Amino acid sequence: MELIELFSYDFMQRSLLAAALVGGLCSVIGVFVVLRGLAFVGAGTAHAAFAGVTLGYLMGWPPLLLAILFGLATVWITGWVEERGNMKLDVSIGILYTTTMALAILFIGLMKTYNAEVYGYLFGNVLSVTTEELRMIGGLSILVLGTIMLFSKELYFIAFDQEMAEASGVPARRIFFLLLTLVALTVVVSLKTVGAILVFAMVLIPASTAYQLTHSLSTLTWYSIIIGVICSSGGVLLSAVWDIPSGPAIVLLSTLIFFLSVLLSPKRLRQALPAN
């Protein structure tokens, strides 16, 4: 199929728009995730959201709504356990990660017939995004990005040093729970595009790539957004042209660009130069 011809199809237009929205959104929230060290939270939330999807299809309820509820419940419980149980965040999310994945497997096992749409959320299938799903992606993206813009200073502060933020009068615990909420919503938005298995890669890789290229915080954010949009849109095109799954195409393209950024990183090259 000719590349130019692809753009004339409605499904491709929806797919590219959804991929661009998800790529940009994951890249923005990824900056805070990378700076705060919340990589495992993204992985755990993705599988919790997938458990919500499987329950939705099993019971005939809206799968994305259940995904939101499961994702939010997971990050809130994780934050509460860390705060009340004197347990590290990665330990509590690890417990919930395995529990929700077990629930997802249980719900799939209880289904009487094979459901291809469920596996679309697990592995990603952006080419099948419907108009209604695109509207939900757009609405949640606006909500998350608007919240980030409103609380950007506080979010950056706790990402660097939560204890110092607390000492400076910032309601750090509330902002931290807000960040966890935004991570959960971002994961849910991205499920149909790259799937539960790969979604946390799209949160981590663009921001990590941008981190190799600049010391400036604002530049880091913009680089991350640009990289995320290019990789997600490019992955969709590769998926359509070569007839390969969209989720792996997006993530593998992102990974390739990450390793190129490591090799060409101004930080690394500057360190390699001999001192005068």
C-alpha atoms as a PDB file:
ATOM      1  CA  MET A   1       0.000   0.000   0.000  1.00  0.00           C
ATOM      2  CA  GLU A   2       1.367   3.412  -0.976  1.00  0.00           C
ATOM      3  CA  LEU A   3       2.273   5.665   1.932  1.00  0.00           C
ATOM      4  CA  ILE A   4       0.373   8.651   0.498  1.00  0.00           C
ATOM      5  CA  GLU A   5      -2.687   6.481  -0.031  1.00  0.00           C
ATOM      6  CA  LEU A   6      -2.729   5.541   3.658  1.00  0.00           C
ATOM      7  CA  PHE A   7      -3.519   9.103   4.715  1.00  0.00           C
ATOM      8  CA  SER A   8      -6.811   9.027   2.783  1.00  0.00           C
ATOM      9  CA  TYR A   9      -8.281   6.340   5.032  1.00  0.00           C
ATOM     10  CA  ASP A  10     -10.325   7.358   8.066  1.00  0.00           C
ATOM     11  CA  PHE A  11      -8.846   4.608  10.248  1.00  0.00           C
ATOM     12  CA  MET A  12      -5.328   5.842   9.511  1.00  0.00           C
ATOM     13  CA  GLN A  13      -6.248   9.442  10.315  1.00  0.00           C
ATOM     14  CA  ARG A  14      -7.758   8.316  13.638  1.00  0.00           C
ATOM     15  CA  SER A  15      -4.749   6.120  14.367  1.00  0.00           C
ATOM     16  CA  LEU A  16      -2.191   8.852  13.709  1.00  0.00           C
ATOM     17  CA  LEU A  17      -4.102  11.375  15.797  1.00  0.00           C
ATOM     18  CA  ALA A  18      -4.490   8.902  18.664  1.00  0.00           C
ATOM     19  CA  ALA A  19      -0.804   7.973  18.460  1.00  0.00           C
ATOM     20  CA  ALA A  20       0.290  11.621  18.472  1.00  0.00           C
ATOM     21  CA  LEU A  21      -1.900  12.390  21.494  1.00  0.00           C
ATOM     22  CA  VAL A  22      -0.695   9.350  23.402  1.00  0.00           C
ATOM     23  CA  GLY A  23       2.939   9.892  22.425  1.00  0.00           C
ATOM     24  CA  GLY A  24       2.885  13.499  23.570  1.00  0.00           C
ATOM     25  CA  LEU A  25       1.010  12.724  26.781  1.00  0.00           C
ATOM     26  CA  CYS A  26       3.254   9.797  27.762  1.00  0.00           C
ATOM     27  CA  SER A  27       6.315  11.924  27.064  1.00  0.00           C
ATOM     28  CA  VAL A  28       5.177  14.772  29.316  1.00  0.00           C
ATOM     29  CA  ILE A  29       4.262  12.560  32.256  1.00  0.00           C
ATOM     30  CA  GLY A  30       7.407  10.539  31.560  1.00  0.00           C
ATOM     31  CA  VAL A  31       9.584  13.513  32.481  1.00  0.00           C
ATOM     32  CA  PHE A  32       8.206  13.427  36.039  1.00  0.00           C
ATOM     33  CA  VAL A  33       8.340   9.630  36.173  1.00  0.00           C
ATOM     34  CA  VAL A  34      12.016   9.579  35.171  1.00  0.00           C
ATOM     35  CA  LEU A  35      13.008  12.414  37.496  1.00  0.00           C
ATOM     36  CA  ARG A  36      11.077  10.923  40.443  1.00  0.00           C
ATOM     37  CA  GLY A  37      12.058   7.303  39.741  1.00  0.00           C
ATOM     38  CA  LEU A  38       8.544   5.911  39.282  1.00  0.00           C
ATOM     39  CA  ALA A  39       9.227   3.498  36.415  1.00  0.00           C
ATOM     40  CA  PHE A  40       7.807   0.466  38.206  1.00  0.00           C
ATOM     41  CA  VAL A  41       4.624   2.361  39.035  1.00  0.00           C
ATOM     42  CA  GLY A  42       3.898   2.715  35.331  1.00  0.00           C
ATOM     43  CA  ALA A  43       4.318  -1.017  34.766  1.00  0.00           C
ATOM     44  CA  GLY A  44       2.119  -1.961  37.716  1.00  0.00           C
ATOM     45  CA  THR A  45      -0.600   0.502  36.803  1.00  0.00           C
ATOM     46  CA  ALA A  46      -0.693  -0.770  33.217  1.00  0.00           C
ATOM     47  CA  HIS A  47      -1.424  -4.317  34.334  1.00  0.00           C
ATOM     48  CA  ALA A  48      -3.974  -3.116  36.880  1.00  0.00           C
ATOM     49  CA  ALA A  49      -5.768  -1.182  34.151  1.00  0.00           C
ATOM     50  CA  PHE A  50      -5.717  -4.290  31.953  1.00  0.00           C
ATOM     51  CA  ALA A  51      -7.402  -6.226  34.758  1.00  0.00           C
ATOM     52  CA  GLY A  52     -10.141  -3.585  34.652  1.00  0.00           C
ATOM     53  CA  VAL A  53     -10.484  -4.047  30.896  1.00  0.00           C
ATOM     54  CA  THR A  54     -10.865  -7.820  31.219  1.00  0.00           C
ATOM     55  CA  LEU A  55     -13.471  -7.449  33.965  1.00  0.00           C
ATOM     56  CA  GLY A  56     -15.373  -4.981  31.801  1.00  0.00           C
ATOM     57  CA  TYR A  57     -15.557  -7.413  28.877  1.00  0.00           C
ATOM     58  CA  LEU A  58     -16.426 -10.300  31.207  1.00  0.00           C
ATOM     59  CA  MET A  59     -19.335  -8.441  32.823  1.00  0.00           C
ATOM     60  CA  GLY A  60     -20.417  -6.411  29.803  1.00  0.00           C
ATOM     61  CA  TRP A  61     -19.435  -3.111  31.435  1.00  0.00           C
ATOM     62  CA  PRO A  62     -17.479  -0.212  29.824  1.00  0.00           C
ATOM     63  CA  PRO A  63     -13.891  -1.546  29.715  1.00  0.00           C
ATOM     64  CA  LEU A  64     -12.132   1.844  29.707  1.00  0.00           C
ATOM     65  CA  LEU A  65     -14.152   3.020  32.714  1.00  0.00           C
ATOM     66  CA  LEU A  66     -13.129  -0.120  34.631  1.00  0.00           C
ATOM     67  CA  ALA A  67      -9.540   0.430  33.499  1.00  0.00           C
ATOM     68  CA  ILE A  68      -9.588   3.938  34.976  1.00  0.00           C
ATOM     69  CA  LEU A  69     -11.044   2.690  38.269  1.00  0.00           C
ATOM     70  CA  PHE A  70      -8.537  -0.164  38.577  1.00  0.00           C
ATOM     71  CA  GLY A  71      -5.622   2.090  37.638  1.00  0.00           C
ATOM     72  CA  LEU A  72      -6.557   4.813  40.095  1.00  0.00           C
ATOM     73  CA  ALA A  73      -7.255   2.315  42.877  1.00  0.00           C
ATOM     74  CA  THR A  74      -3.846   0.734  42.358  1.00  0.00           C
ATOM     75  CA  VAL A  75      -1.814   3.950  42.529  1.00  0.00           C
ATOM     76  CA  TRP A  76      -3.828   5.299  45.466  1.00  0.00           C
ATOM     77  CA  ILE A  77      -3.473   2.073  47.442  1.00  0.00           C
ATOM     78  CA  THR A  78       0.220   2.001  46.575  1.00  0.00           C
ATOM     79  CA  GLY A  79       0.728   5.527  47.866  1.00  0.00           C
ATOM     80  CA  TRP A  80      -1.317   4.816  50.990  1.00  0.00           C
ATOM     81  CA  VAL A  81       0.594   1.602  51.785  1.00  0.00           C
ATOM     82  CA  GLU A  82       3.909   3.414  51.359  1.00  0.00           C
ATOM     83  CA  GLU A  83       2.747   6.184  53.672  1.00  0.00           C
ATOM     84  CA  ARG A  84       1.021   4.066  56.348  1.00  0.00           C
ATOM     85  CA  GLY A  85       2.935   0.818  56.153  1.00  0.00           C
ATOM     86  CA  ASN A  86       6.485   2.151  56.071  1.00  0.00           C
ATOM     87  CA  MET A  87       7.010   0.132  52.899  1.00  0.00           C
ATOM     88  CA  LYS A  88       8.968   1.239  49.866  1.00  0.00           C
ATOM     89  CA  LEU A  89       6.946   2.191  46.812  1.00  0.00           C
ATOM     90  CA  ASP A  90       8.417  -0.505  44.569  1.00  0.00           C
ATOM     91  CA  VAL A  91       7.495  -3.220  47.085  1.00  0.00           C
ATOM     92  CA  SER A  92       3.865  -2.171  47.399  1.00  0.00           C
ATOM     93  CA  ILE A  93       3.405  -1.708  43.648  1.00  0.00           C
ATOM     94  CA  GLY A  94       5.044  -5.103  43.113  1.00  0.00           C
ATOM     95  CA  ILE A  95       2.437  -6.774  45.321  1.00  0.00           C
ATOM     96  CA  LEU A  96      -0.441  -5.038  43.538  1.00  0.00           C
ATOM     97  CA  TYR A  97       1.218  -5.669  40.149  1.00  0.00           C
ATOM     98  CA  THR A  98       1.133  -9.430  40.632  1.00  0.00           C
ATOM     99  CA  THR A  99      -2.315  -9.374  42.220  1.00  0.00           C
ATOM    100  CA  THR A 100      -3.980  -7.431  39.410  1.00  0.00           C
ATOM    101  CA  MET A 101      -2.219  -9.521  36.757  1.00  0.00           C
ATOM    102  CA  ALA A 102      -3.574 -12.637  38.456  1.00  0.00           C
ATOM    103  CA  LEU A 103      -7.047 -11.085  38.373  1.00  0.00           C
ATOM    104  CA  ALA A 104      -6.676 -10.332  34.654  1.00  0.00           C
ATOM    105  CA  ILE A 105      -5.726 -13.950  33.938  1.00  0.00           C
ATOM    106  CA  LEU A 106      -8.649 -15.140  36.072  1.00  0.00           C
ATOM    107  CA  PHE A 107     -11.131 -12.910  34.243  1.00  0.00           C
ATOM    108  CA  ILE A 108      -9.841 -14.080  30.850  1.00  0.00           C
ATOM    109  CA  GLY A 109     -10.183 -17.683  31.998  1.00  0.00           C
ATOM    110  CA  LEU A 110     -13.799 -17.069  32.992  1.00  0.00           C
ATOM    111  CA  MET A 111     -14.707 -15.792  29.533  1.00  0.00           C
ATOM    112  CA  LYS A 112     -16.645 -18.427  27.614  1.00  0.00           C
ATOM    113  CA  THR A 113     -15.391 -17.341  24.195  1.00  0.00           C
ATOM    114  CA  TYR A 114     -12.196 -15.878  22.765  1.00  0.00           C
ATOM    115  CA  ASN A 115     -12.277 -12.059  22.672  1.00  0.00           C
ATOM    116  CA  ALA A 116      -9.770 -10.464  20.298  1.00  0.00           C
ATOM    117  CA  GLU A 117     -10.502  -6.960  21.642  1.00  0.00           C
ATOM    118  CA  VAL A 118      -9.153  -7.926  25.064  1.00  0.00           C
ATOM    119  CA  TYR A 119      -5.814  -8.907  23.557  1.00  0.00           C
ATOM    120  CA  GLY A 120      -5.821  -5.632  21.634  1.00  0.00           C
ATOM    121  CA  TYR A 121      -5.571  -3.866  24.978  1.00  0.00           C
ATOM    122  CA  LEU A 122      -2.811  -6.229  26.093  1.00  0.00           C
ATOM    123  CA  PHE A 123      -0.583  -5.916  23.017  1.00  0.00           C
ATOM    124  CA  GLY A 124      -1.878  -2.660  21.499  1.00  0.00           C
ATOM    125  CA  ASN A 125      -3.767  -2.083  18.254  1.00  0.00           C
ATOM    126  CA  VAL A 126      -3.930   1.609  17.437  1.00  0.00           C
ATOM    127  CA  LEU A 127      -5.142   0.880  13.898  1.00  0.00           C
ATOM    128  CA  SER A 128      -8.485  -0.238  15.339  1.00  0.00           C
ATOM    129  CA  VAL A 129      -9.152   2.902  17.419  1.00  0.00           C
ATOM    130  CA  THR A 130     -12.778   3.996  17.005  1.00  0.00           C
ATOM    131  CA  THR A 131     -14.139   7.534  16.918  1.00  0.00           C
ATOM    132  CA  GLU A 132     -15.569   7.127  20.432  1.00  0.00           C
ATOM    133  CA  GLU A 133     -12.246   5.873  21.774  1.00  0.00           C
ATOM    134  CA  LEU A 134     -10.438   8.758  20.081  1.00  0.00           C
ATOM    135  CA  ARG A 135     -12.782  11.203  21.812  1.00  0.00           C
ATOM    136  CA  MET A 136     -12.049   9.606  25.177  1.00  0.00           C
ATOM    137  CA  ILE A 137      -8.305   9.718  24.481  1.00  0.00           C
ATOM    138  CA  GLY A 138      -8.603  13.389  23.551  1.00  0.00           C
ATOM    139  CA  GLY A 139     -10.682  14.239  26.613  1.00  0.00           C
ATOM    140  CA  LEU A 140      -8.379  12.477  29.070  1.00  0.00           C
ATOM    141  CA  SER A 141      -5.329  13.993  27.361  1.00  0.00           C
ATOM    142  CA  ILE A 142      -6.730  17.501  27.798  1.00  0.00           C
ATOM    143  CA  LEU A 143      -7.514  16.751  31.458  1.00  0.00           C
ATOM    144  CA  VAL A 144      -4.035  15.418  32.225  1.00  0.00           C
ATOM    145  CA  LEU A 145      -2.131  18.097  30.289  1.00  0.00           C
ATOM    146  CA  GLY A 146      -4.254  20.857  31.792  1.00  0.00           C
ATOM    147  CA  THR A 147      -3.542  19.573  35.301  1.00  0.00           C
ATOM    148  CA  ILE A 148       0.188  19.361  34.580  1.00  0.00           C
ATOM    149  CA  MET A 149       0.235  22.941  33.330  1.00  0.00           C
ATOM    150  CA  LEU A 150      -1.691  24.107  36.394  1.00  0.00           C
ATOM    151  CA  PHE A 151       0.617  22.388  38.902  1.00  0.00           C
ATOM    152  CA  SER A 152       3.841  22.248  36.880  1.00  0.00           C
ATOM    153  CA  LYS A 153       6.017  24.033  39.460  1.00  0.00           C
ATOM    154  CA  GLU A 154       4.877  21.790  42.296  1.00  0.00           C
ATOM    155  CA  LEU A 155       5.232  18.640  40.199  1.00  0.00           C
ATOM    156  CA  TYR A 156       8.778  19.532  39.146  1.00  0.00           C
ATOM    157  CA  PHE A 157       9.632  20.385  42.760  1.00  0.00           C
ATOM    158  CA  ILE A 158       8.547  17.036  44.211  1.00  0.00           C
ATOM    159  CA  ALA A 159      10.132  15.201  41.271  1.00  0.00           C
ATOM    160  CA  PHE A 160      13.514  16.598  42.278  1.00  0.00           C
ATOM    161  CA  ASP A 161      13.236  16.636  46.074  1.00  0.00           C
ATOM    162  CA  GLN A 162       9.968  15.817  47.844  1.00  0.00           C
ATOM    163  CA  GLU A 163      11.357  16.419  51.326  1.00  0.00           C
ATOM    164  CA  MET A 164      12.614  19.878  50.373  1.00  0.00           C
ATOM    165  CA  ALA A 165       9.255  20.639  48.750  1.00  0.00           C
ATOM    166  CA  GLU A 166       7.496  19.686  51.986  1.00  0.00           C
ATOM    167  CA  ALA A 167       9.846  21.881  54.010  1.00  0.00           C
ATOM    168  CA  SER A 168       9.179  24.798  51.632  1.00  0.00           C
ATOM    169  CA  GLY A 169       5.442  24.698  52.278  1.00  0.00           C
ATOM    170  CA  VAL A 170       4.402  22.698  49.211  1.00  0.00           C
ATOM    171  CA  PRO A 171       1.710  20.078  50.017  1.00  0.00           C
ATOM    172  CA  ALA A 172       4.102  17.407  48.777  1.00  0.00           C
ATOM    173  CA  ARG A 173       2.050  14.328  49.679  1.00  0.00           C
ATOM    174  CA  ARG A 174      -1.029  15.683  47.918  1.00  0.00           C
ATOM    175  CA  ILE A 175       1.001  16.629  44.856  1.00  0.00           C
ATOM    176  CA  PHE A 176       2.598  13.181  44.895  1.00  0.00           C
ATOM    177  CA  PHE A 177      -0.826  11.534  44.897  1.00  0.00           C
ATOM    178  CA  LEU A 178      -1.815  13.893  42.092  1.00  0.00           C
ATOM    179  CA  LEU A 179       1.224  12.716  40.120  1.00  0.00           C
ATOM    180  CA  LEU A 180       0.270   9.083  40.713  1.00  0.00           C
ATOM    181  CA  THR A 181      -3.251   9.878  39.487  1.00  0.00           C
ATOM    182  CA  LEU A 182      -1.895  11.486  36.320  1.00  0.00           C
ATOM    183  CA  VAL A 183       0.326   8.457  35.693  1.00  0.00           C
ATOM    184  CA  ALA A 184      -2.704   6.165  36.016  1.00  0.00           C
ATOM    185  CA  LEU A 185      -4.825   8.231  33.613  1.00  0.00           C
ATOM    186  CA  THR A 186      -1.957   8.393  31.115  1.00  0.00           C
ATOM    187  CA  VAL A 187      -1.580   4.621  31.211  1.00  0.00           C
ATOM    188  CA  VAL A 188      -5.304   4.113  30.575  1.00  0.00           C
ATOM    189  CA  VAL A 189      -5.248   6.561  27.674  1.00  0.00           C
ATOM    190  CA  SER A 190      -2.366   4.619  26.115  1.00  0.00           C
ATOM    191  CA  LEU A 191      -3.706   1.073  26.463  1.00  0.00           C
ATOM    192  CA  LYS A 192      -5.315   0.813  23.044  1.00  0.00           C
ATOM    193  CA  THR A 193      -2.277   2.307  21.321  1.00  0.00           C
ATOM    194  CA  VAL A 194       0.674   0.306  22.656  1.00  0.00           C
ATOM    195  CA  GLY A 195      -0.979  -2.171  25.028  1.00  0.00           C
ATOM    196  CA  ALA A 196      -0.610  -2.946  28.719  1.00  0.00           C
ATOM    197  CA  ILE A 197       2.662  -4.820  28.231  1.00  0.00           C
ATOM    198  CA  LEU A 198       4.448  -1.960  26.459  1.00  0.00           C
ATOM    199  CA  VAL A 199       2.750   1.228  27.666  1.00  0.00           C
ATOM    200  CA  PHE A 200       5.251   1.987  30.421  1.00  0.00           C
ATOM    201  CA  ALA A 201       8.003   1.879  27.779  1.00  0.00           C
ATOM    202  CA  MET A 202       6.372   4.878  26.075  1.00  0.00           C
ATOM    203  CA  VAL A 203       6.334   6.693  29.403  1.00  0.00           C
ATOM    204  CA  LEU A 204      10.020   5.996  30.046  1.00  0.00           C
ATOM    205  CA  ILE A 205      11.831   5.964  26.715  1.00  0.00           C
ATOM    206  CA  PRO A 206      11.083   9.434  25.210  1.00  0.00           C
ATOM    207  CA  ALA A 207      11.900  11.210  28.484  1.00  0.00           C
ATOM    208  CA  SER A 208      15.029   9.081  28.970  1.00  0.00           C
ATOM    209  CA  THR A 209      16.081   9.866  25.402  1.00  0.00           C
ATOM    210  CA  ALA A 210      15.570  13.584  25.928  1.00  0.00           C
ATOM    211  CA  TYR A 211      17.552  13.355  29.178  1.00  0.00           C
ATOM    212  CA  GLN A 212      20.602  12.321  27.138  1.00  0.00           C
ATOM    213  CA  LEU A 213      20.433  15.476  25.054  1.00  0.00           C
ATOM    214  CA  THR A 214      20.051  18.408  27.439  1.00  0.00           C
ATOM    215  CA  HIS A 215      20.586  19.751  30.945  1.00  0.00           C
ATOM    216  CA  SER A 216      17.703  22.229  30.704  1.00  0.00           C
ATOM    217  CA  LEU A 217      14.436  21.181  32.343  1.00  0.00           C
ATOM    218  CA  SER A 218      12.191  23.035  29.891  1.00  0.00           C
ATOM    219  CA  THR A 219      14.200  21.751  26.922  1.00  0.00           C
ATOM    220  CA  LEU A 220      14.016  18.242  28.375  1.00  0.00           C
ATOM    221  CA  THR A 221      10.214  18.432  28.402  1.00  0.00           C
ATOM    222  CA  TRP A 222       9.938  19.739  24.844  1.00  0.00           C
ATOM    223  CA  TYR A 223      12.465  17.239  23.496  1.00  0.00           C
ATOM    224  CA  SER A 224      10.559  14.452  25.207  1.00  0.00           C
ATOM    225  CA  ILE A 225       7.274  15.545  23.621  1.00  0.00           C
ATOM    226  CA  ILE A 226       8.794  15.816  20.146  1.00  0.00           C
ATOM    227  CA  ILE A 227      10.471  12.414  20.433  1.00  0.00           C
ATOM    228  CA  GLY A 228       7.295  10.799  21.752  1.00  0.00           C
ATOM    229  CA  VAL A 229       5.082  12.186  18.972  1.00  0.00           C
ATOM    230  CA  ILE A 230       7.583  11.262  16.241  1.00  0.00           C
ATOM    231  CA  CYS A 231       8.069   7.714  17.554  1.00  0.00           C
ATOM    232  CA  SER A 232       4.381   6.997  18.098  1.00  0.00           C
ATOM    233  CA  SER A 233       3.309   8.389  14.721  1.00  0.00           C
ATOM    234  CA  GLY A 234       6.261   6.770  12.946  1.00  0.00           C
ATOM    235  CA  GLY A 235       5.484   3.444  14.595  1.00  0.00           C
ATOM    236  CA  VAL A 236       1.903   3.601  13.320  1.00  0.00           C
ATOM    237  CA  LEU A 237       3.112   4.211   9.770  1.00  0.00           C
ATOM    238  CA  LEU A 238       5.587   1.341  10.004  1.00  0.00           C
ATOM    239  CA  SER A 239       2.827  -0.866  11.375  1.00  0.00           C
ATOM    240  CA  ALA A 240       0.513  -0.072   8.466  1.00  0.00           C
ATOM    241  CA  VAL A 241       3.127  -0.294   5.709  1.00  0.00           C
ATOM    242  CA  TRP A 242       4.855  -3.475   6.892  1.00  0.00           C
ATOM    243  CA  ASP A 243       1.750  -5.098   8.428  1.00  0.00           C
ATOM    244  CA  ILE A 244       3.283  -5.553  11.874  1.00  0.00           C
ATOM    245  CA  PRO A 245       1.750  -4.961  15.345  1.00  0.00           C
ATOM    246  CA  SER A 246       1.566  -1.262  16.199  1.00  0.00           C
ATOM    247  CA  GLY A 247       2.641  -1.474  19.849  1.00  0.00           C
ATOM    248  CA  PRO A 248       5.980  -3.217  19.234  1.00  0.00           C
ATOM    249  CA  ALA A 249       6.653  -0.984  16.209  1.00  0.00           C
ATOM    250  CA  ILE A 250       6.255   2.166  18.323  1.00  0.00           C
ATOM    251  CA  VAL A 251       8.373   0.881  21.206  1.00  0.00           C
ATOM    252  CA  LEU A 252      11.155  -0.559  19.031  1.00  0.00           C
ATOM    253  CA  LEU A 253      11.425   2.697  17.077  1.00  0.00           C
ATOM    254  CA  SER A 254      11.612   4.585  20.367  1.00  0.00           C
ATOM    255  CA  THR A 255      14.291   2.208  21.644  1.00  0.00           C
ATOM    256  CA  LEU A 256      16.367   2.669  18.484  1.00  0.00           C
ATOM    257  CA  ILE A 257      16.263   6.441  18.880  1.00  0.00           C
ATOM    258  CA  PHE A 258      17.158   6.094  22.566  1.00  0.00           C
ATOM    259  CA  PHE A 259      20.357   4.168  21.807  1.00  0.00           C
ATOM    260  CA  LEU A 260      21.247   6.651  19.076  1.00  0.00           C
ATOM    261  CA  SER A 261      20.815   9.457  21.605  1.00  0.00           C
ATOM    262  CA  VAL A 262      23.116   7.631  24.040  1.00  0.00           C
ATOM    263  CA  LEU A 263      25.802   7.307  21.370  1.00  0.00           C
ATOM    264  CA  LEU A 264      25.449  10.929  20.249  1.00  0.00           C
ATOM    265  CA  SER A 265      24.688  12.439  23.652  1.00  0.00           C
ATOM    266  CA  PRO A 266      26.330  15.866  24.115  1.00  0.00           C
ATOM    267  CA  LYS A 267      26.816  14.935  27.776  1.00  0.00           C
ATOM    268  CA  ARG A 268      28.789  11.798  26.916  1.00  0.00           C
ATOM    269  CA  LEU A 269      30.792  13.473  24.151  1.00  0.00           C
ATOM    270  CA  ARG A 270      31.651  16.376  26.420  1.00  0.00           C
ATOM    271  CA  GLN A 271      32.923  13.977  29.099  1.00  0.00           C
ATOM    272  CA  ALA A 272      34.968  12.119  26.481  1.00  0.00           C
ATOM    273  CA  LEU A 273      36.816  15.261  25.383  1.00  0.00           C
ATOM    274  CA  PRO A 274      40.279  15.684  26.989  1.00  0.00           C
ATOM    275  CA  ALA A 275      40.585  18.506  29.446  1.00  0.00           C
ATOM    276  CA  ASN A 276      42.587  21.515  28.268  1.00  0.00           C
END
